[in-house]
Amino acid sequence: MLLADDREILVIIKNFTPRGFMAIASEPIGVPSEIGISIPDYGIVRADVRWIDGAEFGGSFIEELPAAAMLNL
């Protein structure tokens, strides 16, 4: 995951939909934050972090993910 300050941190995505996701972060992140998530064979998608509970957090994608991107997660 790419943070707004260009730092990269490891995240594990627990679940996702075309509009959002829930994940676990390896480092603390803030709310609100705009982030980028790298999707293999698709590229980086932008999202807004909406909530945090310890290391878990949830976000919504700036643009709805197309089916091609979801197949690579």
PDB file of N, CA and C in Angstrom:
ATOM      1  N   MET A   1       0.850  -1.157   0.000  1.00  0.00           N
ATOM      2  CA  MET A   1       0.000   0.000   0.000  1.00  0.00           C
ATOM      3  C   MET A   1       0.901   1.226   0.000  1.00  0.00           C
ATOM      4  N   LEU A   2       0.515   2.230  -0.733  1.00  0.00           N
ATOM      5  CA  LEU A   2       1.255   3.480  -0.833  1.00  0.00           C
ATOM      6  C   LEU A   2       0.502   4.555  -0.059  1.00  0.00           C
ATOM      7  N   LEU A   3       1.193   5.161   0.923  1.00  0.00           N
ATOM      8  CA  LEU A   3       0.583   6.221   1.723  1.00  0.00           C
ATOM      9  C   LEU A   3       0.747   7.573   1.038  1.00  0.00           C
ATOM     10  N   ALA A   4       0.040   8.561   1.521  1.00  0.00           N
ATOM     11  CA  ALA A   4       0.079   9.905   0.927  1.00  0.00           C
ATOM     12  C   ALA A   4       1.484  10.501   0.948  1.00  0.00           C
ATOM     13  N   ASP A   5       2.313  10.107   1.955  1.00  0.00           N
ATOM     14  CA  ASP A   5       3.681  10.629   2.031  1.00  0.00           C
ATOM     15  C   ASP A   5       4.667   9.775   1.230  1.00  0.00           C
ATOM     16  N   ASP A   6       4.155   8.920   0.348  1.00  0.00           N
ATOM     17  CA  ASP A   6       4.925   8.046  -0.543  1.00  0.00           C
ATOM     18  C   ASP A   6       5.625   6.884   0.151  1.00  0.00           C
ATOM     19  N   ARG A   7       5.318   6.643   1.438  1.00  0.00           N
ATOM     20  CA  ARG A   7       5.839   5.442   2.106  1.00  0.00           C
ATOM     21  C   ARG A   7       5.025   4.243   1.655  1.00  0.00           C
ATOM     22  N   GLU A   8       5.687   3.108   1.545  1.00  0.00           N
ATOM     23  CA  GLU A   8       4.993   1.863   1.233  1.00  0.00           C
ATOM     24  C   GLU A   8       4.939   1.002   2.482  1.00  0.00           C
ATOM     25  N   ILE A   9       3.764   0.432   2.771  1.00  0.00           N
ATOM     26  CA  ILE A   9       3.629  -0.495   3.886  1.00  0.00           C
ATOM     27  C   ILE A   9       2.889  -1.741   3.403  1.00  0.00           C
ATOM     28  N   LEU A  10       3.116  -2.830   4.116  1.00  0.00           N
ATOM     29  CA  LEU A  10       2.471  -4.094   3.783  1.00  0.00           C
ATOM     30  C   LEU A  10       1.067  -4.126   4.360  1.00  0.00           C
ATOM     31  N   VAL A  11       0.107  -4.563   3.570  1.00  0.00           N
ATOM     32  CA  VAL A  11      -1.259  -4.780   4.050  1.00  0.00           C
ATOM     33  C   VAL A  11      -1.731  -6.146   3.577  1.00  0.00           C
ATOM     34  N   ILE A  12      -2.625  -6.722   4.345  1.00  0.00           N
ATOM     35  CA  ILE A  12      -3.296  -7.959   3.962  1.00  0.00           C
ATOM     36  C   ILE A  12      -4.763  -7.608   3.772  1.00  0.00           C
ATOM     37  N   ILE A  13      -5.267  -7.789   2.570  1.00  0.00           N
ATOM     38  CA  ILE A  13      -6.672  -7.489   2.298  1.00  0.00           C
ATOM     39  C   ILE A  13      -7.504  -8.685   2.730  1.00  0.00           C
ATOM     40  N   LYS A  14      -8.441  -8.438   3.659  1.00  0.00           N
ATOM     41  CA  LYS A  14      -9.288  -9.511   4.188  1.00  0.00           C
ATOM     42  C   LYS A  14     -10.513  -9.749   3.322  1.00  0.00           C
ATOM     43  N   ASN A  15     -11.099  -8.682   2.820  1.00  0.00           N
ATOM     44  CA  ASN A  15     -12.229  -8.813   1.901  1.00  0.00           C
ATOM     45  C   ASN A  15     -12.353  -7.538   1.082  1.00  0.00           C
ATOM     46  N   PHE A  16     -13.047  -7.645  -0.032  1.00  0.00           N
ATOM     47  CA  PHE A  16     -13.206  -6.482  -0.899  1.00  0.00           C
ATOM     48  C   PHE A  16     -14.459  -6.624  -1.745  1.00  0.00           C
ATOM     49  N   THR A  17     -14.930  -5.488  -2.193  1.00  0.00           N
ATOM     50  CA  THR A  17     -16.041  -5.392  -3.128  1.00  0.00           C
ATOM     51  C   THR A  17     -15.599  -4.398  -4.200  1.00  0.00           C
ATOM     52  N   PRO A  18     -16.380  -4.181  -5.235  1.00  0.00           N
ATOM     53  CA  PRO A  18     -15.993  -3.171  -6.223  1.00  0.00           C
ATOM     54  C   PRO A  18     -15.879  -1.762  -5.626  1.00  0.00           C
ATOM     55  N   ARG A  19     -16.501  -1.527  -4.465  1.00  0.00           N
ATOM     56  CA  ARG A  19     -16.508  -0.176  -3.878  1.00  0.00           C
ATOM     57  C   ARG A  19     -15.593   0.011  -2.679  1.00  0.00           C
ATOM     58  N   GLY A  20     -15.150  -1.077  -2.046  1.00  0.00           N
ATOM     59  CA  GLY A  20     -14.336  -0.903  -0.852  1.00  0.00           C
ATOM     60  C   GLY A  20     -13.688  -2.187  -0.389  1.00  0.00           C
ATOM     61  N   PHE A  21     -13.041  -2.119   0.776  1.00  0.00           N
ATOM     62  CA  PHE A  21     -12.267  -3.239   1.276  1.00  0.00           C
ATOM     63  C   PHE A  21     -12.065  -3.134   2.783  1.00  0.00           C
ATOM     64  N   MET A  22     -11.630  -4.246   3.383  1.00  0.00           N
ATOM     65  CA  MET A  22     -11.174  -4.282   4.766  1.00  0.00           C
ATOM     66  C   MET A  22      -9.807  -4.946   4.745  1.00  0.00           C
ATOM     67  N   ALA A  23      -8.863  -4.416   5.525  1.00  0.00           N
ATOM     68  CA  ALA A  23      -7.497  -4.921   5.484  1.00  0.00           C
ATOM     69  C   ALA A  23      -6.833  -4.805   6.850  1.00  0.00           C
ATOM     70  N   ILE A  24      -5.659  -5.410   6.956  1.00  0.00           N
ATOM     71  CA  ILE A  24      -4.820  -5.307   8.148  1.00  0.00           C
ATOM     72  C   ILE A  24      -3.523  -4.637   7.711  1.00  0.00           C
ATOM     73  N   ALA A  25      -3.110  -3.588   8.434  1.00  0.00           N
ATOM     74  CA  ALA A  25      -1.902  -2.842   8.095  1.00  0.00           C
ATOM     75  C   ALA A  25      -0.736  -3.258   8.981  1.00  0.00           C
ATOM     76  N   SER A  26       0.466  -3.254   8.410  1.00  0.00           N
ATOM     77  CA  SER A  26       1.673  -3.589   9.158  1.00  0.00           C
ATOM     78  C   SER A  26       2.173  -2.419   9.997  1.00  0.00           C
ATOM     79  N   GLU A  27       1.663  -1.219   9.730  1.00  0.00           N
ATOM     80  CA  GLU A  27       2.037  -0.006  10.463  1.00  0.00           C
ATOM     81  C   GLU A  27       0.784   0.832  10.685  1.00  0.00           C
ATOM     82  N   PRO A  28       0.808   1.702  11.702  1.00  0.00           N
ATOM     83  CA  PRO A  28      -0.357   2.568  11.936  1.00  0.00           C
ATOM     84  C   PRO A  28      -0.596   3.516  10.756  1.00  0.00           C
ATOM     85  N   ILE A  29      -1.865   3.735  10.460  1.00  0.00           N
ATOM     86  CA  ILE A  29      -2.245   4.722   9.447  1.00  0.00           C
ATOM     87  C   ILE A  29      -3.314   5.620  10.047  1.00  0.00           C
ATOM     88  N   GLY A  30      -3.541   6.751   9.435  1.00  0.00           N
ATOM     89  CA  GLY A  30      -4.500   7.711   9.982  1.00  0.00           C
ATOM     90  C   GLY A  30      -5.801   7.754   9.203  1.00  0.00           C
ATOM     91  N   VAL A  31      -6.781   8.391   9.843  1.00  0.00           N
ATOM     92  CA  VAL A  31      -8.079   8.627   9.210  1.00  0.00           C
ATOM     93  C   VAL A  31      -8.312  10.122   9.257  1.00  0.00           C
ATOM     94  N   PRO A  32      -8.691  10.780   8.220  1.00  0.00           N
ATOM     95  CA  PRO A  32      -8.799  10.229   6.869  1.00  0.00           C
ATOM     96  C   PRO A  32      -7.432  10.193   6.199  1.00  0.00           C
ATOM     97  N   SER A  33      -7.226   9.273   5.335  1.00  0.00           N
ATOM     98  CA  SER A  33      -6.008   9.156   4.533  1.00  0.00           C
ATOM     99  C   SER A  33      -6.395   8.731   3.132  1.00  0.00           C
ATOM    100  N   GLU A  34      -5.712   9.294   2.148  1.00  0.00           N
ATOM    101  CA  GLU A  34      -5.859   8.784   0.789  1.00  0.00           C
ATOM    102  C   GLU A  34      -4.671   7.874   0.545  1.00  0.00           C
ATOM    103  N   ILE A  35      -4.937   6.681   0.037  1.00  0.00           N
ATOM    104  CA  ILE A  35      -3.900   5.681  -0.161  1.00  0.00           C
ATOM    105  C   ILE A  35      -3.965   5.136  -1.580  1.00  0.00           C
ATOM    106  N   GLY A  36      -2.936   4.412  -1.948  1.00  0.00           N
ATOM    107  CA  GLY A  36      -2.917   3.684  -3.209  1.00  0.00           C
ATOM    108  C   GLY A  36      -2.655   2.220  -2.921  1.00  0.00           C
ATOM    109  N   ILE A  37      -3.400   1.345  -3.566  1.00  0.00           N
ATOM    110  CA  ILE A  37      -3.218  -0.091  -3.401  1.00  0.00           C
ATOM    111  C   ILE A  37      -2.798  -0.666  -4.745  1.00  0.00           C
ATOM    112  N   SER A  38      -1.670  -1.383  -4.735  1.00  0.00           N
ATOM    113  CA  SER A  38      -1.160  -1.995  -5.951  1.00  0.00           C
ATOM    114  C   SER A  38      -1.852  -3.333  -6.189  1.00  0.00           C
ATOM    115  N   ILE A  39      -2.470  -3.474  -7.346  1.00  0.00           N
ATOM    116  CA  ILE A  39      -3.143  -4.711  -7.720  1.00  0.00           C
ATOM    117  C   ILE A  39      -2.330  -5.355  -8.840  1.00  0.00           C
ATOM    118  N   PRO A  40      -1.842  -6.587  -8.614  1.00  0.00           N
ATOM    119  CA  PRO A  40      -1.015  -7.253  -9.631  1.00  0.00           C
ATOM    120  C   PRO A  40      -1.698  -7.273 -11.004  1.00  0.00           C
ATOM    121  N   ASP A  41      -0.917  -7.016 -12.030  1.00  0.00           N
ATOM    122  CA  ASP A  41      -1.379  -7.035 -13.422  1.00  0.00           C
ATOM    123  C   ASP A  41      -2.489  -6.028 -13.717  1.00  0.00           C
ATOM    124  N   TYR A  42      -2.688  -5.048 -12.820  1.00  0.00           N
ATOM    125  CA  TYR A  42      -3.701  -4.016 -13.052  1.00  0.00           C
ATOM    126  C   TYR A  42      -3.128  -2.625 -12.822  1.00  0.00           C
ATOM    127  N   GLY A  43      -2.454  -2.431 -11.697  1.00  0.00           N
ATOM    128  CA  GLY A  43      -1.883  -1.131 -11.380  1.00  0.00           C
ATOM    129  C   GLY A  43      -2.297  -0.660  -9.999  1.00  0.00           C
ATOM    130  N   ILE A  44      -2.111   0.622  -9.754  1.00  0.00           N
ATOM    131  CA  ILE A  44      -2.429   1.212  -8.455  1.00  0.00           C
ATOM    132  C   ILE A  44      -3.816   1.833  -8.513  1.00  0.00           C
ATOM    133  N   VAL A  45      -4.629   1.515  -7.510  1.00  0.00           N
ATOM    134  CA  VAL A  45      -5.955   2.124  -7.391  1.00  0.00           C
ATOM    135  C   VAL A  45      -5.967   2.995  -6.142  1.00  0.00           C
ATOM    136  N   ARG A  46      -6.654   4.102  -6.209  1.00  0.00           N
ATOM    137  CA  ARG A  46      -6.741   5.046  -5.092  1.00  0.00           C
ATOM    138  C   ARG A  46      -7.949   4.738  -4.226  1.00  0.00           C
ATOM    139  N   ALA A  47      -7.777   4.976  -2.921  1.00  0.00           N
ATOM    140  CA  ALA A  47      -8.865   4.729  -1.972  1.00  0.00           C
ATOM    141  C   ALA A  47      -8.757   5.707  -0.812  1.00  0.00           C
ATOM    142  N   ASP A  48      -9.867   5.902  -0.112  1.00  0.00           N
ATOM    143  CA  ASP A  48      -9.911   6.704   1.110  1.00  0.00           C
ATOM    144  C   ASP A  48     -10.095   5.768   2.289  1.00  0.00           C
ATOM    145  N   VAL A  49      -9.252   5.926   3.324  1.00  0.00           N
ATOM    146  CA  VAL A  49      -9.427   5.156   4.561  1.00  0.00           C
ATOM    147  C   VAL A  49     -10.601   5.770   5.310  1.00  0.00           C
ATOM    148  N   ARG A  50     -11.578   4.945   5.698  1.00  0.00           N
ATOM    149  CA  ARG A  50     -12.803   5.419   6.348  1.00  0.00           C
ATOM    150  C   ARG A  50     -12.857   5.115   7.833  1.00  0.00           C
ATOM    151  N   TRP A  51     -12.220   4.025   8.265  1.00  0.00           N
ATOM    152  CA  TRP A  51     -12.248   3.671   9.683  1.00  0.00           C
ATOM    153  C   TRP A  51     -11.010   2.843  10.027  1.00  0.00           C
ATOM    154  N   ILE A  52     -10.650   2.866  11.310  1.00  0.00           N
ATOM    155  CA  ILE A  52      -9.520   2.087  11.827  1.00  0.00           C
ATOM    156  C   ILE A  52      -9.935   1.477  13.153  1.00  0.00           C
ATOM    157  N   ASP A  53      -9.533   0.225  13.370  1.00  0.00           N
ATOM    158  CA  ASP A  53      -9.738  -0.468  14.644  1.00  0.00           C
ATOM    159  C   ASP A  53      -8.474  -1.275  14.907  1.00  0.00           C
ATOM    160  N   GLY A  54      -7.534  -0.677  15.633  1.00  0.00           N
ATOM    161  CA  GLY A  54      -6.231  -1.315  15.818  1.00  0.00           C
ATOM    162  C   GLY A  54      -5.501  -1.365  14.488  1.00  0.00           C
ATOM    163  N   ALA A  55      -5.038  -2.557  14.096  1.00  0.00           N
ATOM    164  CA  ALA A  55      -4.345  -2.716  12.816  1.00  0.00           C
ATOM    165  C   ALA A  55      -5.319  -2.875  11.652  1.00  0.00           C
ATOM    166  N   GLU A  56      -6.594  -3.169  11.952  1.00  0.00           N
ATOM    167  CA  GLU A  56      -7.586  -3.332  10.886  1.00  0.00           C
ATOM    168  C   GLU A  56      -8.108  -1.973  10.435  1.00  0.00           C
ATOM    169  N   PHE A  57      -8.405  -1.871   9.160  1.00  0.00           N
ATOM    170  CA  PHE A  57      -8.979  -0.636   8.640  1.00  0.00           C
ATOM    171  C   PHE A  57      -9.839  -0.946   7.426  1.00  0.00           C
ATOM    172  N   GLY A  58     -10.693  -0.008   7.106  1.00  0.00           N
ATOM    173  CA  GLY A  58     -11.556  -0.154   5.942  1.00  0.00           C
ATOM    174  C   GLY A  58     -11.506   1.092   5.094  1.00  0.00           C
ATOM    175  N   GLY A  59     -11.730   0.912   3.818  1.00  0.00           N
ATOM    176  CA  GLY A  59     -11.690   2.047   2.921  1.00  0.00           C
ATOM    177  C   GLY A  59     -12.626   1.886   1.752  1.00  0.00           C
ATOM    178  N   SER A  60     -12.809   2.987   1.047  1.00  0.00           N
ATOM    179  CA  SER A  60     -13.629   2.968  -0.163  1.00  0.00           C
ATOM    180  C   SER A  60     -12.764   3.429  -1.329  1.00  0.00           C
ATOM    181  N   PHE A  61     -12.914   2.750  -2.449  1.00  0.00           N
ATOM    182  CA  PHE A  61     -12.162   3.106  -3.640  1.00  0.00           C
ATOM    183  C   PHE A  61     -12.697   4.412  -4.214  1.00  0.00           C
ATOM    184  N   ILE A  62     -11.800   5.251  -4.722  1.00  0.00           N
ATOM    185  CA  ILE A  62     -12.188   6.524  -5.326  1.00  0.00           C
ATOM    186  C   ILE A  62     -13.095   6.251  -6.530  1.00  0.00           C
ATOM    187  N   GLU A  63     -12.727   5.266  -7.338  1.00  0.00           N
ATOM    188  CA  GLU A  63     -13.547   4.831  -8.470  1.00  0.00           C
ATOM    189  C   GLU A  63     -13.842   3.348  -8.288  1.00  0.00           C
ATOM    190  N   GLU A  64     -15.048   2.944  -8.608  1.00  0.00           N
ATOM    191  CA  GLU A  64     -15.428   1.541  -8.468  1.00  0.00           C
ATOM    192  C   GLU A  64     -14.483   0.651  -9.273  1.00  0.00           C
ATOM    193  N   LEU A  65     -14.056  -0.459  -8.659  1.00  0.00           N
ATOM    194  CA  LEU A  65     -13.144  -1.373  -9.343  1.00  0.00           C
ATOM    195  C   LEU A  65     -13.862  -2.141 -10.449  1.00  0.00           C
ATOM    196  N   PRO A  66     -13.232  -2.231 -11.618  1.00  0.00           N
ATOM    197  CA  PRO A  66     -13.805  -3.075 -12.663  1.00  0.00           C
ATOM    198  C   PRO A  66     -13.539  -4.550 -12.357  1.00  0.00           C
ATOM    199  N   ALA A  67     -14.274  -5.428 -12.991  1.00  0.00           N
ATOM    200  CA  ALA A  67     -14.129  -6.868 -12.760  1.00  0.00           C
ATOM    201  C   ALA A  67     -12.700  -7.342 -13.005  1.00  0.00           C
ATOM    202  N   ALA A  68     -12.013  -6.790 -13.997  1.00  0.00           N
ATOM    203  CA  ALA A  68     -10.642  -7.211 -14.307  1.00  0.00           C
ATOM    204  C   ALA A  68      -9.705  -6.992 -13.125  1.00  0.00           C
ATOM    205  N   ALA A  69      -9.879  -5.908 -12.399  1.00  0.00           N
ATOM    206  CA  ALA A  69      -9.038  -5.631 -11.233  1.00  0.00           C
ATOM    207  C   ALA A  69      -9.363  -6.586 -10.100  1.00  0.00           C
ATOM    208  N   MET A  70     -10.631  -6.874  -9.904  1.00  0.00           N
ATOM    209  CA  MET A  70     -11.042  -7.748  -8.800  1.00  0.00           C
ATOM    210  C   MET A  70     -10.534  -9.173  -8.990  1.00  0.00           C
ATOM    211  N   LEU A  71     -10.381  -9.617 -10.217  1.00  0.00           N
ATOM    212  CA  LEU A  71      -9.882 -10.963 -10.474  1.00  0.00           C
ATOM    213  C   LEU A  71      -8.437 -11.131 -10.037  1.00  0.00           C
ATOM    214  N   ASN A  72      -7.694 -10.025  -9.914  1.00  0.00           N
ATOM    215  CA  ASN A  72      -6.278 -10.084  -9.555  1.00  0.00           C
ATOM    216  C   ASN A  72      -6.016  -9.896  -8.072  1.00  0.00           C
ATOM    217  N   LEU A  73      -7.042  -9.667  -7.270  1.00  0.00           N
ATOM    218  CA  LEU A  73      -6.837  -9.486  -5.832  1.00  0.00           C
ATOM    219  C   LEU A  73      -6.793 -10.810  -5.117  1.00  0.00           C
TER     220      LEU A  73
END
